[in-house]
Amino acid sequence: MGESVKNKVAVVTGGGGGIGRAICFLLAKEGAKVVVNDVGTTIDGTGTSNKVADSVVEIINKAGGIAIANYDSVITMEGGENIIKAALNHFGRLDIVITPHGILRDRMLFNMTEQEWDSVIETHLKGTFTVCKHASILFRQQKSGRIITFSSTSGLIGNPGQANYGAAKSGIAGFTKVVARDLGRYGVTVNCIAPLADTRMTMSIPVSAQRLSQESGITRGADEEALEKAEDIAPMVVYLASDHASNVNGQIFLVHGGTIALMSQPRPIKTIYSHQKQWTLDELSTMVSKYLVKDLPNPAPHHNSRV
């Protein structure tokens, strides 16, 4: 066993599969006691199965680690509170909260139903809130804690067919930056991971992560197999959960394979000024095209098609 998070208590939502599962294994290997939360749903959020979390717990405990399972849903306030209580009731403390849980219900906007929108927003965005809200009360009192949330290139850059998922993941990125300011004064850090890894969920994304990264100017290495493992994401997550990252707060990291990139904070890159303090439409028609949007690429240029 390692010692980077030795004797820390961690909650991992969606810990039964994919990236969450890999994080649970590495946390346990590095000495943490882990609450593996997973309701055991399918990719689209239907069905439940305790076996999903139980299987991870069994593997960890057989390897000499310490883990318990929790099956509460993140989509209710009661569920979020119960997940935090599971750590406190069993281990007597909580130090780390990690939220890679999620579902997908992909659809082009003009075909998306209200239920498909609501379920994805509820699971990702509200689910992150319900768990972090109840953890924040404890972390504020004990003046310590680590929260690691999960965004996506779909939310940070954009991906066709994922208005619901992209909105939720963009919301989580904004949530992270706000909560980092709320809790930083109490010795709590809040950071966000935007992963690129082939898992049961991400394999079903309509446009590949490789194309997204190329369109956004992010280059990937030659070893594609190394880039496609959920296990590649876990080390950076555990690093952020450790004392080594005590002064890292409010940041978003793109993680894939052997590459970790710090994402830039939004900032003005071009500005025009009016001496009159208000622009006329005639002025804007000239100045915007000349100075603000000149040579700006269109992420989805118009195609002359009847489809």
C-alpha atoms as a PDB file:
ATOM      1  CA  MET A   1       0.000   0.000   0.000  1.00  0.00           C
ATOM      2  CA  GLY A   2       1.122   3.563  -0.715  1.00  0.00           C
ATOM      3  CA  GLU A   3       0.798   6.492   1.649  1.00  0.00           C
ATOM      4  CA  SER A   4      -0.201   9.582  -0.352  1.00  0.00           C
ATOM      5  CA  VAL A   5      -3.699   9.503   1.185  1.00  0.00           C
ATOM      6  CA  LYS A   6      -3.013   7.100   4.045  1.00  0.00           C
ATOM      7  CA  ASN A   7      -5.851   6.920   6.597  1.00  0.00           C
ATOM      8  CA  LYS A   8      -7.905   9.494   4.684  1.00  0.00           C
ATOM      9  CA  VAL A   9     -11.571   8.700   4.137  1.00  0.00           C
ATOM     10  CA  ALA A  10     -12.873   9.213   0.609  1.00  0.00           C
ATOM     11  CA  VAL A  11     -16.299   9.111  -1.027  1.00  0.00           C
ATOM     12  CA  VAL A  12     -16.387   8.307  -4.742  1.00  0.00           C
ATOM     13  CA  THR A  13     -19.742   8.639  -6.503  1.00  0.00           C
ATOM     14  CA  GLY A  14     -20.161   6.402  -9.529  1.00  0.00           C
ATOM     15  CA  GLY A  15     -17.346   4.351  -8.049  1.00  0.00           C
ATOM     16  CA  GLY A  16     -18.570   1.053  -9.438  1.00  0.00           C
ATOM     17  CA  GLY A  17     -17.382   1.479 -13.011  1.00  0.00           C
ATOM     18  CA  GLY A  18     -15.113   3.281 -15.433  1.00  0.00           C
ATOM     19  CA  ILE A  19     -13.111   6.192 -14.080  1.00  0.00           C
ATOM     20  CA  GLY A  20     -14.785   6.014 -10.662  1.00  0.00           C
ATOM     21  CA  ARG A  21     -13.775   2.380 -10.260  1.00  0.00           C
ATOM     22  CA  ALA A  22     -10.163   3.144 -11.193  1.00  0.00           C
ATOM     23  CA  ILE A  23     -10.096   6.009  -8.693  1.00  0.00           C
ATOM     24  CA  CYS A  24     -11.421   3.765  -5.916  1.00  0.00           C
ATOM     25  CA  PHE A  25      -8.709   1.183  -6.575  1.00  0.00           C
ATOM     26  CA  LEU A  26      -5.892   3.737  -6.525  1.00  0.00           C
ATOM     27  CA  LEU A  27      -7.223   5.505  -3.425  1.00  0.00           C
ATOM     28  CA  ALA A  28      -7.299   2.182  -1.581  1.00  0.00           C
ATOM     29  CA  LYS A  29      -3.837   1.268  -2.852  1.00  0.00           C
ATOM     30  CA  GLU A  30      -2.552   4.600  -1.524  1.00  0.00           C
ATOM     31  CA  GLY A  31      -3.979   3.932   1.929  1.00  0.00           C
ATOM     32  CA  ALA A  32      -7.389   5.628   1.880  1.00  0.00           C
ATOM     33  CA  LYS A  33     -10.589   4.140   3.257  1.00  0.00           C
ATOM     34  CA  VAL A  34     -13.155   4.316   0.484  1.00  0.00           C
ATOM     35  CA  VAL A  35     -16.920   4.635   0.274  1.00  0.00           C
ATOM     36  CA  VAL A  36     -17.811   3.228  -3.144  1.00  0.00           C
ATOM     37  CA  ASN A  37     -21.113   4.839  -4.094  1.00  0.00           C
ATOM     38  CA  ASP A  38     -22.987   3.490  -7.109  1.00  0.00           C
ATOM     39  CA  VAL A  39     -26.659   2.777  -7.766  1.00  0.00           C
ATOM     40  CA  GLY A  40     -25.665   0.393 -10.548  1.00  0.00           C
ATOM     41  CA  THR A  41     -27.610   1.918 -13.421  1.00  0.00           C
ATOM     42  CA  THR A  42     -27.123   1.443 -17.130  1.00  0.00           C
ATOM     43  CA  ILE A  43     -25.505   4.204 -19.213  1.00  0.00           C
ATOM     44  CA  ASP A  44     -28.843   5.970 -19.665  1.00  0.00           C
ATOM     45  CA  GLY A  45     -29.613   5.886 -15.926  1.00  0.00           C
ATOM     46  CA  THR A  46     -32.158   3.055 -15.923  1.00  0.00           C
ATOM     47  CA  GLY A  47     -32.179   0.074 -13.576  1.00  0.00           C
ATOM     48  CA  THR A  48     -30.229  -0.516 -10.369  1.00  0.00           C
ATOM     49  CA  SER A  49     -27.852  -3.160  -9.076  1.00  0.00           C
ATOM     50  CA  ASN A  50     -25.949  -3.361  -5.793  1.00  0.00           C
ATOM     51  CA  LYS A  51     -23.475  -5.741  -7.433  1.00  0.00           C
ATOM     52  CA  VAL A  52     -21.739  -2.878  -9.235  1.00  0.00           C
ATOM     53  CA  ALA A  53     -20.470  -1.243  -6.028  1.00  0.00           C
ATOM     54  CA  ASP A  54     -20.130  -4.557  -4.195  1.00  0.00           C
ATOM     55  CA  SER A  55     -17.725  -5.966  -6.769  1.00  0.00           C
ATOM     56  CA  VAL A  56     -15.341  -3.016  -6.343  1.00  0.00           C
ATOM     57  CA  VAL A  57     -15.504  -3.269  -2.558  1.00  0.00           C
ATOM     58  CA  GLU A  58     -14.790  -6.986  -2.700  1.00  0.00           C
ATOM     59  CA  ILE A  59     -11.701  -6.505  -4.855  1.00  0.00           C
ATOM     60  CA  ILE A  60     -10.350  -3.735  -2.618  1.00  0.00           C
ATOM     61  CA  ASN A  61     -10.881  -5.639   0.612  1.00  0.00           C
ATOM     62  CA  LYS A  62      -9.389  -8.857  -0.772  1.00  0.00           C
ATOM     63  CA  ALA A  63      -6.283  -6.875  -1.753  1.00  0.00           C
ATOM     64  CA  GLY A  64      -5.872  -5.643   1.812  1.00  0.00           C
ATOM     65  CA  GLY A  65      -7.563  -2.281   1.404  1.00  0.00           C
ATOM     66  CA  ILE A  66     -10.591  -0.912   3.227  1.00  0.00           C
ATOM     67  CA  ALA A  67     -13.851  -0.071   1.454  1.00  0.00           C
ATOM     68  CA  ILE A  68     -17.594  -0.147   1.955  1.00  0.00           C
ATOM     69  CA  ALA A  69     -20.432   0.100  -0.551  1.00  0.00           C
ATOM     70  CA  ASN A  70     -23.201   2.682  -0.691  1.00  0.00           C
ATOM     71  CA  TYR A  71     -26.182   2.568  -3.034  1.00  0.00           C
ATOM     72  CA  ASP A  72     -27.862   5.951  -2.474  1.00  0.00           C
ATOM     73  CA  SER A  73     -28.747   8.095  -5.478  1.00  0.00           C
ATOM     74  CA  VAL A  74     -27.054  11.464  -5.911  1.00  0.00           C
ATOM     75  CA  ILE A  75     -30.147  13.000  -7.505  1.00  0.00           C
ATOM     76  CA  THR A  76     -31.923  13.743  -4.201  1.00  0.00           C
ATOM     77  CA  MET A  77     -30.804  15.860  -1.269  1.00  0.00           C
ATOM     78  CA  GLU A  78     -31.495  12.936   1.037  1.00  0.00           C
ATOM     79  CA  GLY A  79     -29.365  10.657  -1.110  1.00  0.00           C
ATOM     80  CA  GLY A  80     -26.466  13.127  -1.148  1.00  0.00           C
ATOM     81  CA  GLU A  81     -26.634  13.464   2.629  1.00  0.00           C
ATOM     82  CA  ASN A  82     -26.803   9.694   3.105  1.00  0.00           C
ATOM     83  CA  ILE A  83     -23.655   9.203   1.042  1.00  0.00           C
ATOM     84  CA  ILE A  84     -21.751  11.568   3.323  1.00  0.00           C
ATOM     85  CA  LYS A  85     -23.298   9.965   6.416  1.00  0.00           C
ATOM     86  CA  ALA A  86     -22.123   6.549   5.228  1.00  0.00           C
ATOM     87  CA  ALA A  87     -18.523   7.709   5.546  1.00  0.00           C
ATOM     88  CA  LEU A  88     -19.096   9.288   8.936  1.00  0.00           C
ATOM     89  CA  ASN A  89     -21.096   6.392  10.347  1.00  0.00           C
ATOM     90  CA  HIS A  90     -18.610   3.741   9.254  1.00  0.00           C
ATOM     91  CA  PHE A  91     -15.256   5.507   9.451  1.00  0.00           C
ATOM     92  CA  GLY A  92     -15.965   8.433  11.785  1.00  0.00           C
ATOM     93  CA  ARG A  93     -14.629  11.087   9.419  1.00  0.00           C
ATOM     94  CA  LEU A  94     -14.488  12.327   5.820  1.00  0.00           C
ATOM     95  CA  ASP A  95     -11.580  13.954   3.994  1.00  0.00           C
ATOM     96  CA  ILE A  96     -12.177  13.552   0.255  1.00  0.00           C
ATOM     97  CA  VAL A  97     -15.181  13.741  -2.080  1.00  0.00           C
ATOM     98  CA  ILE A  98     -14.838  12.763  -5.754  1.00  0.00           C
ATOM     99  CA  THR A  99     -17.802  12.904  -8.156  1.00  0.00           C
ATOM    100  CA  PRO A 100     -17.249  11.114 -11.498  1.00  0.00           C
ATOM    101  CA  HIS A 101     -20.794   9.690 -11.589  1.00  0.00           C
ATOM    102  CA  GLY A 102     -22.924  10.253 -14.678  1.00  0.00           C
ATOM    103  CA  ILE A 103     -25.284   9.074 -17.396  1.00  0.00           C
ATOM    104  CA  LEU A 104     -25.770   9.890 -21.073  1.00  0.00           C
ATOM    105  CA  ARG A 105     -28.943  10.510 -23.063  1.00  0.00           C
ATOM    106  CA  ASP A 106     -27.564  11.937 -26.280  1.00  0.00           C
ATOM    107  CA  ARG A 107     -29.849  13.588 -28.778  1.00  0.00           C
ATOM    108  CA  MET A 108     -29.645  16.522 -31.176  1.00  0.00           C
ATOM    109  CA  LEU A 109     -31.362  19.527 -29.604  1.00  0.00           C
ATOM    110  CA  PHE A 110     -34.297  19.503 -32.008  1.00  0.00           C
ATOM    111  CA  ASN A 111     -35.042  15.880 -31.047  1.00  0.00           C
ATOM    112  CA  MET A 112     -34.297  16.073 -27.310  1.00  0.00           C
ATOM    113  CA  THR A 113     -37.162  15.506 -24.887  1.00  0.00           C
ATOM    114  CA  GLU A 114     -37.694  17.338 -21.628  1.00  0.00           C
ATOM    115  CA  GLN A 115     -37.126  14.100 -19.733  1.00  0.00           C
ATOM    116  CA  GLU A 116     -33.808  13.501 -21.520  1.00  0.00           C
ATOM    117  CA  TRP A 117     -32.718  17.016 -20.605  1.00  0.00           C
ATOM    118  CA  ASP A 118     -33.879  16.824 -16.987  1.00  0.00           C
ATOM    119  CA  SER A 119     -32.410  13.404 -16.215  1.00  0.00           C
ATOM    120  CA  VAL A 120     -28.906  14.323 -17.383  1.00  0.00           C
ATOM    121  CA  ILE A 121     -28.889  17.730 -15.689  1.00  0.00           C
ATOM    122  CA  GLU A 122     -30.277  16.139 -12.524  1.00  0.00           C
ATOM    123  CA  THR A 123     -27.711  13.354 -12.407  1.00  0.00           C
ATOM    124  CA  HIS A 124     -24.583  15.325 -13.280  1.00  0.00           C
ATOM    125  CA  LEU A 125     -25.154  18.859 -12.046  1.00  0.00           C
ATOM    126  CA  LYS A 126     -27.637  18.428  -9.221  1.00  0.00           C
ATOM    127  CA  GLY A 127     -25.947  15.178  -8.217  1.00  0.00           C
ATOM    128  CA  THR A 128     -22.647  16.988  -7.814  1.00  0.00           C
ATOM    129  CA  PHE A 129     -24.399  19.652  -5.741  1.00  0.00           C
ATOM    130  CA  THR A 130     -26.214  17.257  -3.386  1.00  0.00           C
ATOM    131  CA  VAL A 131     -23.042  15.449  -2.383  1.00  0.00           C
ATOM    132  CA  CYS A 132     -20.740  18.481  -2.241  1.00  0.00           C
ATOM    133  CA  LYS A 133     -23.276  20.597  -0.337  1.00  0.00           C
ATOM    134  CA  HIS A 134     -23.452  18.124   2.551  1.00  0.00           C
ATOM    135  CA  ALA A 135     -19.699  17.533   2.488  1.00  0.00           C
ATOM    136  CA  SER A 136     -19.079  21.285   2.567  1.00  0.00           C
ATOM    137  CA  ILE A 137     -20.858  21.647   5.909  1.00  0.00           C
ATOM    138  CA  LEU A 138     -18.477  19.139   7.469  1.00  0.00           C
ATOM    139  CA  PHE A 139     -15.394  20.433   5.657  1.00  0.00           C
ATOM    140  CA  ARG A 140     -16.108  23.985   6.772  1.00  0.00           C
ATOM    141  CA  GLN A 141     -16.375  22.851  10.392  1.00  0.00           C
ATOM    142  CA  GLN A 142     -13.202  20.761  10.349  1.00  0.00           C
ATOM    143  CA  LYS A 143     -11.342  23.344   8.215  1.00  0.00           C
ATOM    144  CA  SER A 144     -10.039  20.768   5.795  1.00  0.00           C
ATOM    145  CA  GLY A 145     -11.187  18.681   2.849  1.00  0.00           C
ATOM    146  CA  ARG A 146     -10.701  17.897  -0.819  1.00  0.00           C
ATOM    147  CA  ILE A 147     -13.398  17.995  -3.495  1.00  0.00           C
ATOM    148  CA  ILE A 148     -12.700  16.828  -7.046  1.00  0.00           C
ATOM    149  CA  THR A 149     -15.539  17.258  -9.553  1.00  0.00           C
ATOM    150  CA  PHE A 150     -15.806  16.113 -13.153  1.00  0.00           C
ATOM    151  CA  SER A 151     -16.438  18.233 -16.226  1.00  0.00           C
ATOM    152  CA  SER A 152     -15.915  17.247 -19.859  1.00  0.00           C
ATOM    153  CA  THR A 153     -14.678  18.564 -23.171  1.00  0.00           C
ATOM    154  CA  SER A 154     -18.350  18.431 -24.170  1.00  0.00           C
ATOM    155  CA  GLY A 155     -19.015  21.182 -21.635  1.00  0.00           C
ATOM    156  CA  LEU A 156     -15.779  23.118 -22.006  1.00  0.00           C
ATOM    157  CA  ILE A 157     -15.471  22.971 -25.803  1.00  0.00           C
ATOM    158  CA  GLY A 158     -18.735  21.611 -27.185  1.00  0.00           C
ATOM    159  CA  ASN A 159     -19.888  18.383 -28.773  1.00  0.00           C
ATOM    160  CA  PRO A 160     -22.839  17.895 -31.144  1.00  0.00           C
ATOM    161  CA  GLY A 161     -25.739  15.869 -29.817  1.00  0.00           C
ATOM    162  CA  GLN A 162     -24.972  16.587 -26.165  1.00  0.00           C
ATOM    163  CA  ALA A 163     -26.800  19.781 -25.216  1.00  0.00           C
ATOM    164  CA  ASN A 164     -27.920  18.232 -21.924  1.00  0.00           C
ATOM    165  CA  TYR A 165     -24.581  16.649 -21.054  1.00  0.00           C
ATOM    166  CA  GLY A 166     -22.564  19.658 -22.208  1.00  0.00           C
ATOM    167  CA  ALA A 167     -24.742  22.067 -20.205  1.00  0.00           C
ATOM    168  CA  ALA A 168     -24.374  19.917 -17.090  1.00  0.00           C
ATOM    169  CA  LYS A 169     -20.617  19.590 -17.464  1.00  0.00           C
ATOM    170  CA  SER A 170     -20.169  23.289 -18.176  1.00  0.00           C
ATOM    171  CA  GLY A 171     -22.270  23.955 -15.099  1.00  0.00           C
ATOM    172  CA  ILE A 172     -20.020  21.717 -13.016  1.00  0.00           C
ATOM    173  CA  ALA A 173     -16.962  23.663 -14.200  1.00  0.00           C
ATOM    174  CA  GLY A 174     -18.596  26.911 -13.084  1.00  0.00           C
ATOM    175  CA  PHE A 175     -19.793  25.300  -9.860  1.00  0.00           C
ATOM    176  CA  THR A 176     -16.234  24.197  -9.104  1.00  0.00           C
ATOM    177  CA  LYS A 177     -14.771  27.670  -9.499  1.00  0.00           C
ATOM    178  CA  VAL A 178     -17.440  29.232  -7.270  1.00  0.00           C
ATOM    179  CA  VAL A 179     -17.243  26.584  -4.553  1.00  0.00           C
ATOM    180  CA  ALA A 180     -13.443  26.869  -4.553  1.00  0.00           C
ATOM    181  CA  ARG A 181     -13.923  30.510  -3.534  1.00  0.00           C
ATOM    182  CA  ASP A 182     -16.627  29.615  -1.000  1.00  0.00           C
ATOM    183  CA  LEU A 183     -14.528  26.996   0.771  1.00  0.00           C
ATOM    184  CA  GLY A 184     -10.906  27.995   0.147  1.00  0.00           C
ATOM    185  CA  ARG A 185     -10.834  30.234   3.208  1.00  0.00           C
ATOM    186  CA  TYR A 186     -11.604  27.176   5.341  1.00  0.00           C
ATOM    187  CA  GLY A 187      -8.664  25.135   4.103  1.00  0.00           C
ATOM    188  CA  VAL A 188     -10.732  23.198   1.560  1.00  0.00           C
ATOM    189  CA  THR A 189      -9.675  22.786  -2.072  1.00  0.00           C
ATOM    190  CA  VAL A 190     -12.087  22.238  -4.956  1.00  0.00           C
ATOM    191  CA  ASN A 191     -10.759  21.251  -8.376  1.00  0.00           C
ATOM    192  CA  CYS A 192     -12.149  19.722 -11.550  1.00  0.00           C
ATOM    193  CA  ILE A 193     -11.056  17.001 -13.974  1.00  0.00           C
ATOM    194  CA  ALA A 194     -12.024  16.942 -17.646  1.00  0.00           C
ATOM    195  CA  PRO A 195     -11.064  13.397 -18.658  1.00  0.00           C
ATOM    196  CA  LEU A 196     -10.457  11.837 -22.034  1.00  0.00           C
ATOM    197  CA  ALA A 197     -10.773   8.081 -21.565  1.00  0.00           C
ATOM    198  CA  ASP A 198     -12.714   5.291 -23.229  1.00  0.00           C
ATOM    199  CA  THR A 199     -15.201   3.983 -20.672  1.00  0.00           C
ATOM    200  CA  ARG A 200     -18.658   2.465 -20.925  1.00  0.00           C
ATOM    201  CA  MET A 201     -20.109   5.988 -20.952  1.00  0.00           C
ATOM    202  CA  THR A 202     -17.583   7.948 -23.004  1.00  0.00           C
ATOM    203  CA  MET A 203     -17.391   5.248 -25.698  1.00  0.00           C
ATOM    204  CA  SER A 204     -20.955   6.193 -26.642  1.00  0.00           C
ATOM    205  CA  ILE A 205     -20.226   9.911 -27.215  1.00  0.00           C
ATOM    206  CA  PRO A 206     -21.202  10.763 -30.817  1.00  0.00           C
ATOM    207  CA  VAL A 207     -17.973  12.531 -31.789  1.00  0.00           C
ATOM    208  CA  SER A 208     -14.683  11.046 -30.659  1.00  0.00           C
ATOM    209  CA  ALA A 209     -12.583  12.683 -27.972  1.00  0.00           C
ATOM    210  CA  GLN A 210      -9.688  12.691 -30.434  1.00  0.00           C
ATOM    211  CA  ARG A 211     -11.616  14.875 -32.901  1.00  0.00           C
ATOM    212  CA  LEU A 212     -12.697  17.201 -30.105  1.00  0.00           C
ATOM    213  CA  SER A 213      -9.147  17.618 -28.908  1.00  0.00           C
ATOM    214  CA  GLN A 214      -7.858  18.250 -32.426  1.00  0.00           C
ATOM    215  CA  GLU A 215     -10.525  20.895 -33.063  1.00  0.00           C
ATOM    216  CA  SER A 216      -9.610  22.635 -29.805  1.00  0.00           C
ATOM    217  CA  GLY A 217      -5.878  22.582 -30.522  1.00  0.00           C
ATOM    218  CA  ILE A 218      -5.130  19.885 -27.948  1.00  0.00           C
ATOM    219  CA  THR A 219      -2.613  17.365 -29.247  1.00  0.00           C
ATOM    220  CA  ARG A 220      -2.479  13.751 -28.170  1.00  0.00           C
ATOM    221  CA  GLY A 221       0.491  11.440 -28.085  1.00  0.00           C
ATOM    222  CA  ALA A 222       1.183   8.501 -30.358  1.00  0.00           C
ATOM    223  CA  ASP A 223       0.252   5.756 -27.903  1.00  0.00           C
ATOM    224  CA  GLU A 224      -3.533   5.678 -28.323  1.00  0.00           C
ATOM    225  CA  GLU A 225      -3.951   2.623 -26.092  1.00  0.00           C
ATOM    226  CA  ALA A 226      -2.360   4.445 -23.199  1.00  0.00           C
ATOM    227  CA  LEU A 227      -4.734   7.352 -23.740  1.00  0.00           C
ATOM    228  CA  GLU A 228      -7.848   5.243 -23.588  1.00  0.00           C
ATOM    229  CA  LYS A 229      -7.649   3.731 -20.114  1.00  0.00           C
ATOM    230  CA  ALA A 230      -9.762   4.934 -17.211  1.00  0.00           C
ATOM    231  CA  GLU A 231      -6.795   4.078 -14.988  1.00  0.00           C
ATOM    232  CA  ASP A 232      -4.840   6.914 -16.615  1.00  0.00           C
ATOM    233  CA  ILE A 233      -7.170   9.471 -15.026  1.00  0.00           C
ATOM    234  CA  ALA A 234      -6.866   8.211 -11.447  1.00  0.00           C
ATOM    235  CA  PRO A 235      -3.340   9.392 -10.507  1.00  0.00           C
ATOM    236  CA  MET A 236      -4.108  13.093 -11.046  1.00  0.00           C
ATOM    237  CA  VAL A 237      -7.337  12.724  -9.082  1.00  0.00           C
ATOM    238  CA  VAL A 238      -5.551  11.111  -6.144  1.00  0.00           C
ATOM    239  CA  TYR A 239      -2.814  13.743  -6.325  1.00  0.00           C
ATOM    240  CA  LEU A 240      -5.434  16.497  -6.007  1.00  0.00           C
ATOM    241  CA  ALA A 241      -6.959  14.592  -3.083  1.00  0.00           C
ATOM    242  CA  SER A 242      -3.634  14.457  -1.246  1.00  0.00           C
ATOM    243  CA  ASP A 243      -1.816  16.945   0.952  1.00  0.00           C
ATOM    244  CA  HIS A 244       0.654  17.524  -1.900  1.00  0.00           C
ATOM    245  CA  ALA A 245      -2.012  19.661  -3.618  1.00  0.00           C
ATOM    246  CA  SER A 246      -2.976  21.724  -0.582  1.00  0.00           C
ATOM    247  CA  ASN A 247      -2.586  25.019  -2.463  1.00  0.00           C
ATOM    248  CA  VAL A 248      -4.201  23.955  -5.748  1.00  0.00           C
ATOM    249  CA  ASN A 249      -7.728  25.357  -5.794  1.00  0.00           C
ATOM    250  CA  GLY A 250     -10.365  26.301  -8.358  1.00  0.00           C
ATOM    251  CA  GLN A 251      -8.565  24.753 -11.340  1.00  0.00           C
ATOM    252  CA  ILE A 252      -9.677  22.557 -14.248  1.00  0.00           C
ATOM    253  CA  PHE A 253      -7.328  19.892 -15.594  1.00  0.00           C
ATOM    254  CA  LEU A 254      -7.662  18.035 -18.889  1.00  0.00           C
ATOM    255  CA  VAL A 255      -6.312  14.522 -18.318  1.00  0.00           C
ATOM    256  CA  HIS A 256      -5.682  11.795 -20.872  1.00  0.00           C
ATOM    257  CA  GLY A 257      -3.018   9.122 -21.057  1.00  0.00           C
ATOM    258  CA  GLY A 258       0.317  10.588 -20.052  1.00  0.00           C
ATOM    259  CA  THR A 259      -0.879  14.144 -20.692  1.00  0.00           C
ATOM    260  CA  ILE A 260      -2.214  16.557 -18.067  1.00  0.00           C
ATOM    261  CA  ALA A 261      -3.123  20.078 -19.154  1.00  0.00           C
ATOM    262  CA  LEU A 262      -4.147  23.031 -17.005  1.00  0.00           C
ATOM    263  CA  MET A 263      -7.135  24.615 -18.726  1.00  0.00           C
ATOM    264  CA  SER A 264      -7.083  28.389 -19.082  1.00  0.00           C
ATOM    265  CA  GLN A 265      -9.504  30.571 -17.185  1.00  0.00           C
ATOM    266  CA  PRO A 266     -11.937  32.574 -19.384  1.00  0.00           C
ATOM    267  CA  ARG A 267     -10.501  35.968 -20.209  1.00  0.00           C
ATOM    268  CA  PRO A 268     -10.985  38.742 -22.790  1.00  0.00           C
ATOM    269  CA  ILE A 269      -8.794  38.196 -25.843  1.00  0.00           C
ATOM    270  CA  LYS A 270      -9.976  41.075 -28.049  1.00  0.00           C
ATOM    271  CA  THR A 271     -11.729  44.316 -27.094  1.00  0.00           C
ATOM    272  CA  ILE A 272     -13.188  47.300 -28.889  1.00  0.00           C
ATOM    273  CA  TYR A 273     -14.053  50.607 -27.227  1.00  0.00           C
ATOM    274  CA  SER A 274     -16.491  53.372 -28.019  1.00  0.00           C
ATOM    275  CA  HIS A 275     -15.827  56.956 -26.898  1.00  0.00           C
ATOM    276  CA  GLN A 276     -19.593  57.476 -26.798  1.00  0.00           C
ATOM    277  CA  LYS A 277     -20.017  54.542 -24.321  1.00  0.00           C
ATOM    278  CA  GLN A 278     -22.631  53.038 -26.593  1.00  0.00           C
ATOM    279  CA  TRP A 279     -22.182  51.513 -30.002  1.00  0.00           C
ATOM    280  CA  THR A 280     -24.421  52.117 -32.967  1.00  0.00           C
ATOM    281  CA  LEU A 281     -25.372  49.189 -35.186  1.00  0.00           C
ATOM    282  CA  ASP A 282     -23.569  50.787 -38.126  1.00  0.00           C
ATOM    283  CA  GLU A 283     -20.375  51.029 -36.086  1.00  0.00           C
ATOM    284  CA  LEU A 284     -20.690  47.440 -34.874  1.00  0.00           C
ATOM    285  CA  SER A 285     -21.222  46.094 -38.371  1.00  0.00           C
ATOM    286  CA  THR A 286     -17.771  47.409 -39.238  1.00  0.00           C
ATOM    287  CA  MET A 287     -15.799  47.149 -36.007  1.00  0.00           C
ATOM    288  CA  VAL A 288     -16.911  43.697 -34.841  1.00  0.00           C
ATOM    289  CA  SER A 289     -16.155  42.029 -38.153  1.00  0.00           C
ATOM    290  CA  LYS A 290     -12.857  43.905 -38.489  1.00  0.00           C
ATOM    291  CA  TYR A 291     -11.488  43.481 -34.957  1.00  0.00           C
ATOM    292  CA  LEU A 292     -13.423  40.919 -32.887  1.00  0.00           C
ATOM    293  CA  VAL A 293     -14.438  38.065 -35.165  1.00  0.00           C
ATOM    294  CA  LYS A 294     -12.051  38.396 -38.120  1.00  0.00           C
ATOM    295  CA  ASP A 295     -10.642  34.936 -39.000  1.00  0.00           C
ATOM    296  CA  LEU A 296     -12.603  33.387 -36.134  1.00  0.00           C
ATOM    297  CA  PRO A 297     -13.409  29.756 -37.069  1.00  0.00           C
ATOM    298  CA  ASN A 298     -16.998  28.577 -37.132  1.00  0.00           C
ATOM    299  CA  PRO A 299     -17.170  25.272 -35.175  1.00  0.00           C
ATOM    300  CA  ALA A 300     -20.089  24.100 -37.337  1.00  0.00           C
ATOM    301  CA  PRO A 301     -20.089  25.872 -40.715  1.00  0.00           C
ATOM    302  CA  HIS A 302     -23.241  25.792 -42.802  1.00  0.00           C
ATOM    303  CA  HIS A 303     -23.603  22.986 -45.324  1.00  0.00           C
ATOM    304  CA  ASN A 304     -25.869  23.332 -48.334  1.00  0.00           C
ATOM    305  CA  SER A 305     -28.011  20.334 -47.553  1.00  0.00           C
ATOM    306  CA  ARG A 306     -31.699  19.567 -47.386  1.00  0.00           C
ATOM    307  CA  VAL A 307     -31.211  17.222 -44.395  1.00  0.00           C
END
